[in-house]
């Protein structure tokens, strides 16, 4: 009998193989000098290893046919908003894109009131920008408006 864990594990193995294929040209480097391809390959390898463990222990899971798919529209909306944010990230920049992402998730998906959602989205994004862009000195895209 096909279990939900079989399907989920198989999907993550396939996703890991896609990440390996897409990061194949990036240099792996060494432990002392990691290259641009080390983190995607390491993350994909760990994801595939845990997916295999999930598939191996799937006999205790629920059958795939018993999954309730009524919340599929909600999940598709989250994926669509995240995909739009990923597509606009370098064009709009970190602050604007992440503020819009959090705001859209709160207002459109979670149906929260727009004003508190906007305040929260901006505050969260500015805190994340300070942490990553300033304190950790990670490069974050500035976008068309310069911030």
N, C-alpha and C. Protein backbone atom coordinates (compact mmCIF):
# COMPACT_ATOMS: atom_id res chain seq x y z
N UNK A 1 0.85 -1.17 0.00
CA UNK A 1 0.00 0.00 0.00
C UNK A 1 0.90 1.24 0.00
N UNK A 2 0.56 2.21 -0.84
CA UNK A 2 1.33 3.44 -0.95
C UNK A 2 1.00 4.36 0.22
N UNK A 3 2.02 4.77 0.94
CA UNK A 3 1.85 5.64 2.11
C UNK A 3 2.22 7.07 1.74
N UNK A 4 1.70 8.02 2.49
CA UNK A 4 1.99 9.44 2.27
C UNK A 4 3.48 9.71 2.42
N UNK A 5 4.14 9.01 3.34
CA UNK A 5 5.57 9.20 3.54
C UNK A 5 6.39 8.71 2.35
N UNK A 6 5.89 7.70 1.63
CA UNK A 6 6.58 7.25 0.41
C UNK A 6 6.58 8.38 -0.63
N UNK A 7 5.43 8.99 -0.81
CA UNK A 7 5.29 10.05 -1.82
C UNK A 7 6.11 11.28 -1.42
N UNK A 8 6.00 11.68 -0.16
CA UNK A 8 6.75 12.85 0.30
C UNK A 8 8.25 12.60 0.21
N UNK A 9 8.70 11.46 0.65
CA UNK A 9 10.13 11.13 0.56
C UNK A 9 10.61 11.10 -0.88
N UNK A 10 9.83 10.49 -1.76
CA UNK A 10 10.21 10.47 -3.18
C UNK A 10 10.28 11.86 -3.78
N UNK A 11 9.34 12.72 -3.40
CA UNK A 11 9.34 14.10 -3.91
C UNK A 11 10.60 14.83 -3.45
N UNK A 12 11.00 14.64 -2.21
CA UNK A 12 12.19 15.32 -1.71
C UNK A 12 13.47 14.76 -2.32
N UNK A 13 13.50 13.47 -2.63
CA UNK A 13 14.66 12.92 -3.34
C UNK A 13 14.77 13.54 -4.73
N UNK A 14 13.64 13.64 -5.43
CA UNK A 14 13.65 14.27 -6.76
C UNK A 14 14.06 15.73 -6.66
N UNK A 15 13.53 16.46 -5.68
CA UNK A 15 13.92 17.86 -5.49
C UNK A 15 15.41 17.99 -5.20
N UNK A 16 15.96 17.10 -4.40
CA UNK A 16 17.39 17.10 -4.12
C UNK A 16 18.21 16.86 -5.38
N UNK A 17 17.76 15.95 -6.23
CA UNK A 17 18.46 15.70 -7.49
C UNK A 17 18.41 16.92 -8.41
N UNK A 18 17.29 17.64 -8.39
CA UNK A 18 17.18 18.88 -9.18
C UNK A 18 18.17 19.93 -8.68
N UNK A 19 18.28 20.05 -7.34
CA UNK A 19 19.23 21.00 -6.77
C UNK A 19 20.66 20.62 -7.15
N UNK A 20 20.99 19.33 -7.10
CA UNK A 20 22.31 18.89 -7.52
C UNK A 20 22.56 19.23 -8.99
N UNK A 21 21.56 19.02 -9.83
CA UNK A 21 21.73 19.32 -11.25
C UNK A 21 21.92 20.82 -11.49
N UNK A 22 21.16 21.65 -10.78
CA UNK A 22 21.26 23.09 -10.98
C UNK A 22 22.54 23.68 -10.38
N UNK A 23 23.09 23.05 -9.36
CA UNK A 23 24.30 23.58 -8.74
C UNK A 23 25.55 22.83 -9.20
N UNK A 24 25.42 22.05 -10.24
CA UNK A 24 26.53 21.23 -10.70
C UNK A 24 27.73 22.02 -11.17
N UNK A 25 27.53 23.18 -11.76
CA UNK A 25 28.65 23.97 -12.26
C UNK A 25 29.31 24.83 -11.19
N UNK A 26 28.67 24.96 -10.05
CA UNK A 26 29.25 25.77 -8.98
C UNK A 26 30.38 25.01 -8.30
N UNK A 27 31.48 25.69 -7.97
CA UNK A 27 32.59 24.99 -7.33
C UNK A 27 32.26 24.58 -5.91
N UNK A 28 32.62 23.36 -5.54
CA UNK A 28 32.35 22.86 -4.20
C UNK A 28 33.34 23.44 -3.20
N UNK A 29 34.60 23.53 -3.57
CA UNK A 29 35.63 24.06 -2.68
C UNK A 29 36.06 23.02 -1.67
N UNK A 30 36.64 23.50 -0.58
CA UNK A 30 37.09 22.64 0.51
C UNK A 30 36.44 23.13 1.80
N UNK A 31 36.67 22.38 2.90
CA UNK A 31 36.09 22.81 4.17
C UNK A 31 36.69 24.14 4.64
N UNK A 32 37.97 24.36 4.35
CA UNK A 32 38.58 25.63 4.77
C UNK A 32 38.28 26.76 3.80
N UNK A 33 37.99 26.45 2.57
CA UNK A 33 37.65 27.43 1.53
C UNK A 33 36.40 26.96 0.80
N UNK A 34 35.21 27.07 1.43
CA UNK A 34 34.00 26.56 0.76
C UNK A 34 33.68 27.36 -0.49
N UNK A 35 33.25 26.65 -1.50
CA UNK A 35 32.84 27.30 -2.74
C UNK A 35 31.35 27.58 -2.74
N UNK A 36 30.89 28.20 -3.82
CA UNK A 36 29.49 28.58 -3.93
C UNK A 36 28.57 27.36 -4.01
N UNK A 37 29.08 26.22 -4.40
CA UNK A 37 28.25 25.03 -4.54
C UNK A 37 28.19 24.15 -3.31
N UNK A 38 28.97 24.49 -2.28
CA UNK A 38 29.00 23.61 -1.10
C UNK A 38 27.66 23.58 -0.37
N UNK A 39 27.09 24.73 -0.06
CA UNK A 39 25.87 24.75 0.74
C UNK A 39 24.67 24.14 0.01
N UNK A 40 24.44 24.46 -1.28
CA UNK A 40 23.30 23.80 -1.93
C UNK A 40 23.47 22.28 -2.02
N UNK A 41 24.69 21.82 -2.27
CA UNK A 41 24.90 20.38 -2.37
C UNK A 41 24.81 19.71 -1.01
N UNK A 42 25.31 20.37 0.02
CA UNK A 42 25.21 19.82 1.37
C UNK A 42 23.75 19.75 1.80
N UNK A 43 23.00 20.82 1.58
CA UNK A 43 21.58 20.83 1.96
C UNK A 43 20.79 19.79 1.17
N UNK A 44 21.06 19.68 -0.13
CA UNK A 44 20.36 18.70 -0.95
C UNK A 44 20.71 17.28 -0.53
N UNK A 45 21.97 17.03 -0.21
CA UNK A 45 22.38 15.70 0.23
C UNK A 45 21.71 15.31 1.54
N UNK A 46 21.69 16.22 2.49
CA UNK A 46 21.01 15.93 3.77
C UNK A 46 19.51 15.73 3.57
N UNK A 47 18.91 16.57 2.72
CA UNK A 47 17.48 16.44 2.45
C UNK A 47 17.17 15.07 1.84
N UNK A 48 18.00 14.63 0.90
CA UNK A 48 17.77 13.32 0.28
C UNK A 48 17.99 12.19 1.28
N UNK A 49 18.99 12.33 2.16
CA UNK A 49 19.24 11.28 3.16
C UNK A 49 18.05 11.16 4.11
N UNK A 50 17.54 12.28 4.59
CA UNK A 50 16.38 12.23 5.48
C UNK A 50 15.13 11.75 4.74
N UNK A 51 15.03 12.05 3.46
CA UNK A 51 13.89 11.56 2.67
C UNK A 51 13.93 10.04 2.55
N UNK A 52 15.11 9.49 2.38
CA UNK A 52 15.24 8.03 2.30
C UNK A 52 14.87 7.40 3.64
N UNK A 53 15.28 8.02 4.75
CA UNK A 53 14.89 7.52 6.08
C UNK A 53 13.37 7.59 6.23
N UNK A 54 12.76 8.68 5.78
CA UNK A 54 11.31 8.82 5.84
C UNK A 54 10.62 7.71 5.04
N UNK A 55 11.13 7.43 3.85
CA UNK A 55 10.52 6.38 3.02
C UNK A 55 10.73 5.00 3.64
N UNK A 56 11.87 4.80 4.30
CA UNK A 56 12.15 3.50 4.91
C UNK A 56 11.25 3.23 6.12
N UNK A 57 10.82 4.27 6.79
CA UNK A 57 9.97 4.11 7.99
C UNK A 57 8.51 4.41 7.67
N UNK A 58 8.13 4.39 6.43
CA UNK A 58 6.78 4.79 6.02
C UNK A 58 5.69 3.80 6.40
N UNK A 59 6.04 2.62 6.80
CA UNK A 59 5.00 1.63 7.10
C UNK A 59 4.09 2.07 8.24
N UNK A 60 4.57 2.99 9.09
CA UNK A 60 3.76 3.47 10.21
C UNK A 60 2.89 4.67 9.85
N UNK A 61 3.07 5.22 8.65
CA UNK A 61 2.34 6.42 8.25
C UNK A 61 0.95 6.11 7.72
N UNK A 62 0.23 7.21 7.44
CA UNK A 62 -1.13 7.04 6.92
C UNK A 62 -1.08 6.77 5.41
N UNK A 63 -2.09 6.09 4.88
CA UNK A 63 -2.12 5.83 3.44
C UNK A 63 -2.25 7.13 2.64
N UNK A 64 -1.66 7.14 1.48
CA UNK A 64 -1.70 8.32 0.62
C UNK A 64 -3.14 8.66 0.25
N UNK A 65 -3.96 7.66 0.08
CA UNK A 65 -5.36 7.89 -0.30
C UNK A 65 -6.18 8.52 0.82
N UNK A 66 -5.68 8.51 2.06
CA UNK A 66 -6.43 9.05 3.19
C UNK A 66 -6.12 10.53 3.44
N UNK A 67 -5.27 11.14 2.65
CA UNK A 67 -4.90 12.54 2.86
C UNK A 67 -6.08 13.44 2.52
N UNK A 68 -6.33 14.42 3.39
CA UNK A 68 -7.38 15.39 3.17
C UNK A 68 -6.81 16.55 2.35
N UNK A 69 -7.30 16.76 1.15
CA UNK A 69 -6.75 17.76 0.23
C UNK A 69 -7.55 19.06 0.24
N UNK A 70 -8.43 19.27 1.21
CA UNK A 70 -9.26 20.46 1.22
C UNK A 70 -8.46 21.75 1.44
N UNK A 71 -7.28 21.66 2.02
CA UNK A 71 -6.47 22.85 2.27
C UNK A 71 -5.46 23.10 1.15
N UNK A 72 -5.63 22.45 0.02
CA UNK A 72 -4.71 22.60 -1.11
C UNK A 72 -4.69 24.01 -1.68
N UNK A 73 -5.84 24.68 -1.71
CA UNK A 73 -5.88 26.05 -2.21
C UNK A 73 -5.08 27.00 -1.34
N UNK A 74 -5.15 26.80 -0.03
CA UNK A 74 -4.38 27.60 0.92
C UNK A 74 -2.88 27.40 0.67
N UNK A 75 -2.46 26.17 0.51
CA UNK A 75 -1.05 25.88 0.27
C UNK A 75 -0.59 26.45 -1.07
N UNK A 76 -1.43 26.37 -2.09
CA UNK A 76 -1.08 26.92 -3.40
C UNK A 76 -0.93 28.44 -3.33
N UNK A 77 -1.74 29.08 -2.54
CA UNK A 77 -1.64 30.53 -2.37
C UNK A 77 -0.31 30.92 -1.70
N UNK A 78 0.10 30.17 -0.69
CA UNK A 78 1.38 30.42 -0.03
C UNK A 78 2.53 30.23 -1.02
N UNK A 79 2.48 29.16 -1.80
CA UNK A 79 3.53 28.91 -2.79
C UNK A 79 3.56 30.02 -3.84
N UNK A 80 2.40 30.48 -4.30
CA UNK A 80 2.35 31.53 -5.32
C UNK A 80 2.92 32.85 -4.78
N UNK A 81 2.60 33.21 -3.55
CA UNK A 81 3.13 34.44 -2.96
C UNK A 81 4.64 34.34 -2.77
N UNK A 82 5.11 33.19 -2.31
CA UNK A 82 6.55 33.01 -2.13
C UNK A 82 7.28 33.03 -3.48
N UNK A 83 6.69 32.45 -4.50
CA UNK A 83 7.30 32.47 -5.83
C UNK A 83 7.37 33.88 -6.38
N UNK A 84 6.33 34.66 -6.17
CA UNK A 84 6.34 36.06 -6.62
C UNK A 84 7.43 36.84 -5.90
N UNK A 85 7.59 36.60 -4.60
CA UNK A 85 8.64 37.29 -3.84
C UNK A 85 10.02 36.88 -4.34
N UNK A 86 10.21 35.61 -4.64
CA UNK A 86 11.50 35.16 -5.16
C UNK A 86 11.80 35.79 -6.51
N UNK A 87 10.78 35.94 -7.34
CA UNK A 87 10.98 36.53 -8.66
C UNK A 87 11.29 38.03 -8.58
N UNK A 88 10.72 38.71 -7.59
CA UNK A 88 10.89 40.17 -7.47
C UNK A 88 12.03 40.58 -6.55
N UNK A 89 12.67 39.63 -5.89
CA UNK A 89 13.66 39.91 -4.85
C UNK A 89 14.79 40.81 -5.32
N UNK A 90 15.42 40.49 -6.41
CA UNK A 90 16.56 41.31 -6.86
C UNK A 90 16.11 42.62 -7.48
N UNK A 91 14.92 42.66 -8.05
CA UNK A 91 14.43 43.89 -8.68
C UNK A 91 13.97 44.90 -7.63
N UNK A 92 13.15 44.47 -6.68
CA UNK A 92 12.61 45.38 -5.68
C UNK A 92 13.52 45.56 -4.47
N UNK A 93 14.42 44.64 -4.25
CA UNK A 93 15.30 44.71 -3.10
C UNK A 93 14.74 43.99 -1.89
N UNK A 94 15.62 43.82 -0.90
CA UNK A 94 15.27 43.04 0.29
C UNK A 94 14.12 43.66 1.08
N UNK A 95 14.24 44.93 1.42
CA UNK A 95 13.28 45.55 2.34
C UNK A 95 11.87 45.57 1.74
N UNK A 96 11.75 46.03 0.52
CA UNK A 96 10.43 46.12 -0.10
C UNK A 96 9.83 44.74 -0.36
N UNK A 97 10.63 43.82 -0.89
CA UNK A 97 10.11 42.48 -1.20
C UNK A 97 9.69 41.73 0.05
N UNK A 98 10.52 41.74 1.07
CA UNK A 98 10.18 41.00 2.28
C UNK A 98 9.00 41.63 3.01
N UNK A 99 8.90 42.97 3.00
CA UNK A 99 7.73 43.62 3.60
C UNK A 99 6.45 43.21 2.87
N UNK A 100 6.51 43.22 1.53
CA UNK A 100 5.33 42.81 0.76
C UNK A 100 5.01 41.34 0.95
N UNK A 101 6.04 40.50 1.07
CA UNK A 101 5.82 39.07 1.29
C UNK A 101 5.09 38.83 2.60
N UNK A 102 5.61 39.39 3.69
CA UNK A 102 4.99 39.19 5.00
C UNK A 102 3.58 39.79 5.02
N UNK A 103 3.43 40.98 4.44
CA UNK A 103 2.11 41.62 4.40
C UNK A 103 1.11 40.75 3.63
N UNK A 104 1.51 40.26 2.46
CA UNK A 104 0.61 39.43 1.65
C UNK A 104 0.24 38.14 2.38
N UNK A 105 1.21 37.52 3.02
CA UNK A 105 0.91 36.29 3.76
C UNK A 105 -0.07 36.56 4.90
N UNK A 106 0.11 37.68 5.58
CA UNK A 106 -0.78 37.98 6.70
C UNK A 106 -2.18 38.40 6.25
N UNK A 107 -2.25 39.25 5.22
CA UNK A 107 -3.55 39.78 4.81
C UNK A 107 -4.29 38.82 3.88
N UNK A 108 -3.61 38.32 2.87
CA UNK A 108 -4.28 37.48 1.87
C UNK A 108 -4.51 36.06 2.39
N UNK A 109 -3.48 35.47 2.99
CA UNK A 109 -3.59 34.07 3.40
C UNK A 109 -4.23 33.95 4.77
N UNK A 110 -3.73 34.71 5.73
CA UNK A 110 -4.23 34.58 7.10
C UNK A 110 -5.40 35.49 7.42
N UNK A 111 -5.75 36.41 6.52
CA UNK A 111 -6.90 37.31 6.65
C UNK A 111 -6.84 38.18 7.91
N UNK A 112 -5.65 38.74 8.16
CA UNK A 112 -5.47 39.66 9.28
C UNK A 112 -5.80 41.07 8.83
N UNK A 113 -6.03 41.96 9.78
CA UNK A 113 -6.35 43.36 9.49
C UNK A 113 -5.12 44.02 8.83
N UNK A 114 -5.33 44.81 7.76
CA UNK A 114 -4.20 45.36 7.00
C UNK A 114 -3.25 46.28 7.78
N UNK A 115 -3.76 47.13 8.65
CA UNK A 115 -2.87 48.08 9.34
C UNK A 115 -1.89 47.39 10.29
N UNK A 116 -2.35 46.53 11.21
CA UNK A 116 -1.38 45.83 12.05
C UNK A 116 -0.45 44.92 11.24
N UNK A 117 -0.99 44.35 10.17
CA UNK A 117 -0.16 43.48 9.32
C UNK A 117 0.95 44.28 8.65
N UNK A 118 0.63 45.49 8.20
CA UNK A 118 1.64 46.34 7.56
C UNK A 118 2.70 46.76 8.58
N UNK A 119 2.28 47.15 9.76
CA UNK A 119 3.24 47.54 10.80
C UNK A 119 4.15 46.38 11.18
N UNK A 120 3.58 45.21 11.33
CA UNK A 120 4.36 44.03 11.67
C UNK A 120 5.32 43.66 10.55
N UNK A 121 4.84 43.71 9.31
CA UNK A 121 5.67 43.35 8.17
C UNK A 121 6.88 44.27 8.05
N UNK A 122 6.67 45.56 8.20
CA UNK A 122 7.77 46.51 8.11
C UNK A 122 8.74 46.35 9.28
N UNK A 123 8.22 46.19 10.49
CA UNK A 123 9.08 46.02 11.66
C UNK A 123 9.91 44.75 11.56
N UNK A 124 9.29 43.66 11.16
CA UNK A 124 10.00 42.40 11.01
C UNK A 124 11.08 42.50 9.94
N UNK A 125 10.75 43.11 8.81
CA UNK A 125 11.71 43.24 7.73
C UNK A 125 12.88 44.13 8.12
N UNK A 126 12.62 45.24 8.79
CA UNK A 126 13.70 46.11 9.22
C UNK A 126 14.61 45.42 10.23
N UNK A 127 14.03 44.63 11.13
CA UNK A 127 14.84 43.87 12.08
C UNK A 127 15.71 42.84 11.35
N UNK A 128 15.13 42.16 10.38
CA UNK A 128 15.90 41.18 9.60
C UNK A 128 16.98 41.87 8.78
N UNK A 129 16.66 43.04 8.22
CA UNK A 129 17.65 43.80 7.44
C UNK A 129 18.81 44.23 8.34
N UNK A 130 18.50 44.70 9.54
CA UNK A 130 19.56 45.09 10.46
C UNK A 130 20.44 43.88 10.79
N UNK A 131 19.81 42.74 11.10
CA UNK A 131 20.56 41.55 11.47
C UNK A 131 21.46 41.07 10.35
N UNK A 132 20.86 40.87 9.16
CA UNK A 132 21.64 40.30 8.06
C UNK A 132 22.47 41.34 7.32
N UNK A 133 21.88 42.49 7.02
CA UNK A 133 22.57 43.49 6.22
C UNK A 133 23.60 44.29 6.97
N UNK A 134 23.34 44.56 8.24
CA UNK A 134 24.24 45.40 9.03
C UNK A 134 25.11 44.58 9.99
N UNK A 135 24.48 43.85 10.90
CA UNK A 135 25.24 43.13 11.92
C UNK A 135 26.09 42.00 11.32
N UNK A 136 25.52 41.20 10.44
CA UNK A 136 26.26 40.09 9.83
C UNK A 136 26.95 40.48 8.52
N UNK A 137 26.68 41.67 8.04
CA UNK A 137 27.29 42.20 6.81
C UNK A 137 27.10 41.28 5.60
N UNK A 138 25.92 40.66 5.53
CA UNK A 138 25.58 39.83 4.38
C UNK A 138 25.08 40.75 3.26
N UNK A 139 25.45 40.47 2.04
CA UNK A 139 24.96 41.32 0.95
C UNK A 139 23.47 41.09 0.70
N UNK A 140 22.70 42.15 0.80
CA UNK A 140 21.27 42.07 0.50
C UNK A 140 20.98 43.02 -0.65
N UNK A 141 20.15 42.61 -1.60
CA UNK A 141 19.86 43.47 -2.76
C UNK A 141 19.19 44.77 -2.35
N UNK A 142 19.60 45.84 -2.99
CA UNK A 142 19.02 47.16 -2.69
C UNK A 142 17.79 47.44 -3.53
N UNK A 143 17.73 46.95 -4.75
CA UNK A 143 16.55 47.14 -5.58
C UNK A 143 16.53 48.46 -6.31
N UNK A 144 15.46 48.69 -7.04
CA UNK A 144 15.32 49.88 -7.87
C UNK A 144 15.28 51.18 -7.07
N UNK A 145 14.68 51.14 -5.91
CA UNK A 145 14.52 52.36 -5.12
C UNK A 145 15.73 52.66 -4.24
N UNK A 146 16.73 51.80 -4.24
CA UNK A 146 17.96 52.04 -3.50
C UNK A 146 17.95 51.59 -2.06
N UNK A 147 16.92 50.86 -1.63
CA UNK A 147 16.92 50.33 -0.26
C UNK A 147 16.38 48.93 -0.25
